[in-house]
Amino acid sequence: MFVTDISRWADYGWAHQEFFGDNPPVTAMVEVKALIHPDMLIEVEADAVLPAP
């Protein structure tokens, strides 16, 4: 996760848990100066693997 205010880490962690549920992916949190739009507070990057058909 790329965040613009690391002091809100608990809020970001709560939102991550709410979105991903009981089996969240491993994650890291990095504070950045800004994101692409000034209203954005967080950007989440995730990789997914789909099971073979």
PDB file of N, CA and C in Angstrom:
ATOM      1  N   MET A   1       0.851  -1.161   0.000  1.00  0.00           N
ATOM      2  CA  MET A   1       0.000   0.000   0.000  1.00  0.00           C
ATOM      3  C   MET A   1       0.898   1.225   0.000  1.00  0.00           C
ATOM      4  N   PHE A   2       0.552   2.170  -0.808  1.00  0.00           N
ATOM      5  CA  PHE A   2       1.245   3.449  -0.839  1.00  0.00           C
ATOM      6  C   PHE A   2       0.308   4.459  -0.190  1.00  0.00           C
ATOM      7  N   VAL A   3       0.758   5.120   0.874  1.00  0.00           N
ATOM      8  CA  VAL A   3      -0.096   6.035   1.629  1.00  0.00           C
ATOM      9  C   VAL A   3       0.561   7.407   1.712  1.00  0.00           C
ATOM     10  N   THR A   4      -0.269   8.431   1.841  1.00  0.00           N
ATOM     11  CA  THR A   4       0.269   9.786   1.919  1.00  0.00           C
ATOM     12  C   THR A   4       0.408  10.285   3.356  1.00  0.00           C
ATOM     13  N   ASP A   5      -0.139   9.522   4.322  1.00  0.00           N
ATOM     14  CA  ASP A   5      -0.046   9.913   5.737  1.00  0.00           C
ATOM     15  C   ASP A   5       0.082   8.652   6.585  1.00  0.00           C
ATOM     16  N   ILE A   6       1.313   8.250   6.865  1.00  0.00           N
ATOM     17  CA  ILE A   6       1.582   7.002   7.579  1.00  0.00           C
ATOM     18  C   ILE A   6       1.004   7.011   9.000  1.00  0.00           C
ATOM     19  N   SER A   7       0.732   8.187   9.542  1.00  0.00           N
ATOM     20  CA  SER A   7       0.177   8.244  10.901  1.00  0.00           C
ATOM     21  C   SER A   7      -1.228   7.641  10.958  1.00  0.00           C
ATOM     22  N   ARG A   8      -1.857   7.436   9.811  1.00  0.00           N
ATOM     23  CA  ARG A   8      -3.196   6.831   9.749  1.00  0.00           C
ATOM     24  C   ARG A   8      -3.123   5.333   9.455  1.00  0.00           C
ATOM     25  N   TRP A   9      -1.986   4.706   9.805  1.00  0.00           N
ATOM     26  CA  TRP A   9      -1.757   3.302   9.494  1.00  0.00           C
ATOM     27  C   TRP A   9      -2.864   2.390  10.014  1.00  0.00           C
ATOM     28  N   ALA A  10      -3.413   2.672  11.188  1.00  0.00           N
ATOM     29  CA  ALA A  10      -4.470   1.822  11.748  1.00  0.00           C
ATOM     30  C   ALA A  10      -5.742   1.892  10.894  1.00  0.00           C
ATOM     31  N   ASP A  11      -6.087   3.075  10.401  1.00  0.00           N
ATOM     32  CA  ASP A  11      -7.255   3.228   9.523  1.00  0.00           C
ATOM     33  C   ASP A  11      -7.058   2.431   8.232  1.00  0.00           C
ATOM     34  N   TYR A  12      -5.864   2.517   7.658  1.00  0.00           N
ATOM     35  CA  TYR A  12      -5.583   1.797   6.425  1.00  0.00           C
ATOM     36  C   TYR A  12      -5.632   0.291   6.666  1.00  0.00           C
ATOM     37  N   GLY A  13      -5.081  -0.140   7.788  1.00  0.00           N
ATOM     38  CA  GLY A  13      -5.105  -1.562   8.126  1.00  0.00           C
ATOM     39  C   GLY A  13      -6.529  -2.072   8.302  1.00  0.00           C
ATOM     40  N   TRP A  14      -7.379  -1.283   8.946  1.00  0.00           N
ATOM     41  CA  TRP A  14      -8.784  -1.666   9.136  1.00  0.00           C
ATOM     42  C   TRP A  14      -9.477  -1.798   7.780  1.00  0.00           C
ATOM     43  N   ALA A  15      -9.267  -0.832   6.889  1.00  0.00           N
ATOM     44  CA  ALA A  15      -9.898  -0.873   5.572  1.00  0.00           C
ATOM     45  C   ALA A  15      -9.395  -2.074   4.772  1.00  0.00           C
ATOM     46  N   HIS A  16      -8.113  -2.377   4.872  1.00  0.00           N
ATOM     47  CA  HIS A  16      -7.531  -3.529   4.187  1.00  0.00           C
ATOM     48  C   HIS A  16      -8.207  -4.809   4.667  1.00  0.00           C
ATOM     49  N   GLN A  17      -8.370  -4.952   5.975  1.00  0.00           N
ATOM     50  CA  GLN A  17      -9.019  -6.134   6.547  1.00  0.00           C
ATOM     51  C   GLN A  17     -10.480  -6.221   6.110  1.00  0.00           C
ATOM     52  N   GLU A  18     -11.178  -5.114   6.116  1.00  0.00           N
ATOM     53  CA  GLU A  18     -12.581  -5.097   5.696  1.00  0.00           C
ATOM     54  C   GLU A  18     -12.732  -5.531   4.236  1.00  0.00           C
ATOM     55  N   PHE A  19     -11.835  -5.076   3.386  1.00  0.00           N
ATOM     56  CA  PHE A  19     -11.939  -5.384   1.963  1.00  0.00           C
ATOM     57  C   PHE A  19     -11.543  -6.826   1.663  1.00  0.00           C
ATOM     58  N   PHE A  20     -10.425  -7.284   2.242  1.00  0.00           N
ATOM     59  CA  PHE A  20      -9.905  -8.605   1.904  1.00  0.00           C
ATOM     60  C   PHE A  20     -10.433  -9.728   2.789  1.00  0.00           C
ATOM     61  N   GLY A  21     -11.063  -9.408   3.911  1.00  0.00           N
ATOM     62  CA  GLY A  21     -11.689 -10.440   4.734  1.00  0.00           C
ATOM     63  C   GLY A  21     -10.717 -11.242   5.590  1.00  0.00           C
ATOM     64  N   ASP A  22     -11.100 -12.510   5.827  1.00  0.00           N
ATOM     65  CA  ASP A  22     -10.360 -13.357   6.765  1.00  0.00           C
ATOM     66  C   ASP A  22      -9.017 -13.856   6.243  1.00  0.00           C
ATOM     67  N   ASN A  23      -8.790 -13.794   4.942  1.00  0.00           N
ATOM     68  CA  ASN A  23      -7.534 -14.269   4.362  1.00  0.00           C
ATOM     69  C   ASN A  23      -6.872 -13.177   3.526  1.00  0.00           C
ATOM     70  N   PRO A  24      -6.467 -12.091   4.171  1.00  0.00           N
ATOM     71  CA  PRO A  24      -5.881 -10.985   3.408  1.00  0.00           C
ATOM     72  C   PRO A  24      -4.504 -11.364   2.860  1.00  0.00           C
ATOM     73  N   PRO A  25      -4.128 -10.770   1.736  1.00  0.00           N
ATOM     74  CA  PRO A  25      -2.783 -11.028   1.208  1.00  0.00           C
ATOM     75  C   PRO A  25      -1.727 -10.341   2.070  1.00  0.00           C
ATOM     76  N   VAL A  26      -0.525 -10.842   1.958  1.00  0.00           N
ATOM     77  CA  VAL A  26       0.598 -10.180   2.622  1.00  0.00           C
ATOM     78  C   VAL A  26       0.718  -8.785   2.031  1.00  0.00           C
ATOM     79  N   THR A  27       1.078  -7.823   2.862  1.00  0.00           N
ATOM     80  CA  THR A  27       1.149  -6.459   2.365  1.00  0.00           C
ATOM     81  C   THR A  27       2.271  -5.685   3.042  1.00  0.00           C
ATOM     82  N   ALA A  28       2.634  -4.596   2.449  1.00  0.00           N
ATOM     83  CA  ALA A  28       3.592  -3.654   3.016  1.00  0.00           C
ATOM     84  C   ALA A  28       2.975  -2.269   2.881  1.00  0.00           C
ATOM     85  N   MET A  29       3.375  -1.362   3.751  1.00  0.00           N
ATOM     86  CA  MET A  29       2.863   0.006   3.702  1.00  0.00           C
ATOM     87  C   MET A  29       4.057   0.949   3.583  1.00  0.00           C
ATOM     88  N   VAL A  30       3.996   1.832   2.593  1.00  0.00           N
ATOM     89  CA  VAL A  30       5.073   2.780   2.330  1.00  0.00           C
ATOM     90  C   VAL A  30       4.471   4.174   2.234  1.00  0.00           C
ATOM     91  N   GLU A  31       5.065   5.120   2.958  1.00  0.00           N
ATOM     92  CA  GLU A  31       4.585   6.496   2.858  1.00  0.00           C
ATOM     93  C   GLU A  31       5.246   7.165   1.654  1.00  0.00           C
ATOM     94  N   VAL A  32       4.405   7.843   0.861  1.00  0.00           N
ATOM     95  CA  VAL A  32       4.882   8.577  -0.308  1.00  0.00           C
ATOM     96  C   VAL A  32       4.476  10.041  -0.196  1.00  0.00           C
ATOM     97  N   LYS A  33       5.144  10.883  -0.919  1.00  0.00           N
ATOM     98  CA  LYS A  33       4.856  12.317  -0.871  1.00  0.00           C
ATOM     99  C   LYS A  33       3.477  12.631  -1.436  1.00  0.00           C
ATOM    100  N   ALA A  34       3.114  11.968  -2.542  1.00  0.00           N
ATOM    101  CA  ALA A  34       1.833  12.235  -3.194  1.00  0.00           C
ATOM    102  C   ALA A  34       1.469  11.062  -4.086  1.00  0.00           C
ATOM    103  N   LEU A  35       0.188  10.980  -4.412  1.00  0.00           N
ATOM    104  CA  LEU A  35      -0.302  10.015  -5.384  1.00  0.00           C
ATOM    105  C   LEU A  35      -0.742  10.777  -6.627  1.00  0.00           C
ATOM    106  N   ILE A  36      -1.229  10.078  -7.628  1.00  0.00           N
ATOM    107  CA  ILE A  36      -1.517  10.697  -8.922  1.00  0.00           C
ATOM    108  C   ILE A  36      -2.577  11.800  -8.841  1.00  0.00           C
ATOM    109  N   HIS A  37      -3.516  11.686  -7.903  1.00  0.00           N
ATOM    110  CA  HIS A  37      -4.549  12.712  -7.729  1.00  0.00           C
ATOM    111  C   HIS A  37      -4.462  13.223  -6.295  1.00  0.00           C
ATOM    112  N   PRO A  38      -4.534  14.520  -6.076  1.00  0.00           N
ATOM    113  CA  PRO A  38      -4.355  15.079  -4.726  1.00  0.00           C
ATOM    114  C   PRO A  38      -5.395  14.623  -3.707  1.00  0.00           C
ATOM    115  N   ASP A  39      -6.570  14.160  -4.150  1.00  0.00           N
ATOM    116  CA  ASP A  39      -7.588  13.679  -3.210  1.00  0.00           C
ATOM    117  C   ASP A  39      -7.343  12.250  -2.741  1.00  0.00           C
ATOM    118  N   MET A  40      -6.430  11.539  -3.387  1.00  0.00           N
ATOM    119  CA  MET A  40      -6.155  10.149  -3.021  1.00  0.00           C
ATOM    120  C   MET A  40      -5.288  10.094  -1.779  1.00  0.00           C
ATOM    121  N   LEU A  41      -5.659   9.201  -0.839  1.00  0.00           N
ATOM    122  CA  LEU A  41      -4.886   8.996   0.382  1.00  0.00           C
ATOM    123  C   LEU A  41      -4.104   7.694   0.350  1.00  0.00           C
ATOM    124  N   ILE A  42      -4.581   6.719  -0.435  1.00  0.00           N
ATOM    125  CA  ILE A  42      -3.973   5.391  -0.448  1.00  0.00           C
ATOM    126  C   ILE A  42      -4.111   4.762  -1.827  1.00  0.00           C
ATOM    127  N   GLU A  43      -3.113   3.998  -2.195  1.00  0.00           N
ATOM    128  CA  GLU A  43      -3.158   3.190  -3.409  1.00  0.00           C
ATOM    129  C   GLU A  43      -2.770   1.774  -3.004  1.00  0.00           C
ATOM    130  N   VAL A  44      -3.587   0.812  -3.383  1.00  0.00           N
ATOM    131  CA  VAL A  44      -3.323  -0.586  -3.052  1.00  0.00           C
ATOM    132  C   VAL A  44      -2.959  -1.321  -4.332  1.00  0.00           C
ATOM    133  N   GLU A  45      -1.850  -2.014  -4.294  1.00  0.00           N
ATOM    134  CA  GLU A  45      -1.412  -2.823  -5.421  1.00  0.00           C
ATOM    135  C   GLU A  45      -1.519  -4.276  -5.005  1.00  0.00           C
ATOM    136  N   ALA A  46      -2.132  -5.099  -5.842  1.00  0.00           N
ATOM    137  CA  ALA A  46      -2.299  -6.506  -5.493  1.00  0.00           C
ATOM    138  C   ALA A  46      -2.113  -7.383  -6.729  1.00  0.00           C
ATOM    139  N   ASP A  47      -1.540  -8.562  -6.513  1.00  0.00           N
ATOM    140  CA  ASP A  47      -1.430  -9.586  -7.553  1.00  0.00           C
ATOM    141  C   ASP A  47      -2.385 -10.713  -7.167  1.00  0.00           C
ATOM    142  N   ALA A  48      -3.001 -11.303  -8.167  1.00  0.00           N
ATOM    143  CA  ALA A  48      -3.919 -12.409  -7.911  1.00  0.00           C
ATOM    144  C   ALA A  48      -3.572 -13.582  -8.814  1.00  0.00           C
ATOM    145  N   VAL A  49      -3.797 -14.772  -8.295  1.00  0.00           N
ATOM    146  CA  VAL A  49      -3.584 -15.995  -9.061  1.00  0.00           C
ATOM    147  C   VAL A  49      -4.908 -16.725  -9.114  1.00  0.00           C
ATOM    148  N   LEU A  50      -5.358 -17.013 -10.316  1.00  0.00           N
ATOM    149  CA  LEU A  50      -6.605 -17.746 -10.491  1.00  0.00           C
ATOM    150  C   LEU A  50      -6.299 -19.235 -10.595  1.00  0.00           C
ATOM    151  N   PRO A  51      -7.177 -20.069 -10.057  1.00  0.00           N
ATOM    152  CA  PRO A  51      -6.953 -21.515 -10.170  1.00  0.00           C
ATOM    153  C   PRO A  51      -7.084 -21.963 -11.625  1.00  0.00           C
ATOM    154  N   ALA A  52      -6.390 -23.027 -11.961  1.00  0.00           N
ATOM    155  CA  ALA A  52      -6.478 -23.565 -13.326  1.00  0.00           C
ATOM    156  C   ALA A  52      -7.885 -24.081 -13.584  1.00  0.00           C
ATOM    157  N   PRO A  53      -8.380 -23.929 -14.824  1.00  0.00           N
ATOM    158  CA  PRO A  53      -9.744 -24.396 -15.135  1.00  0.00           C
ATOM    159  C   PRO A  53      -9.870 -25.908 -15.076  1.00  0.00           C
TER     160      PRO A  53
END
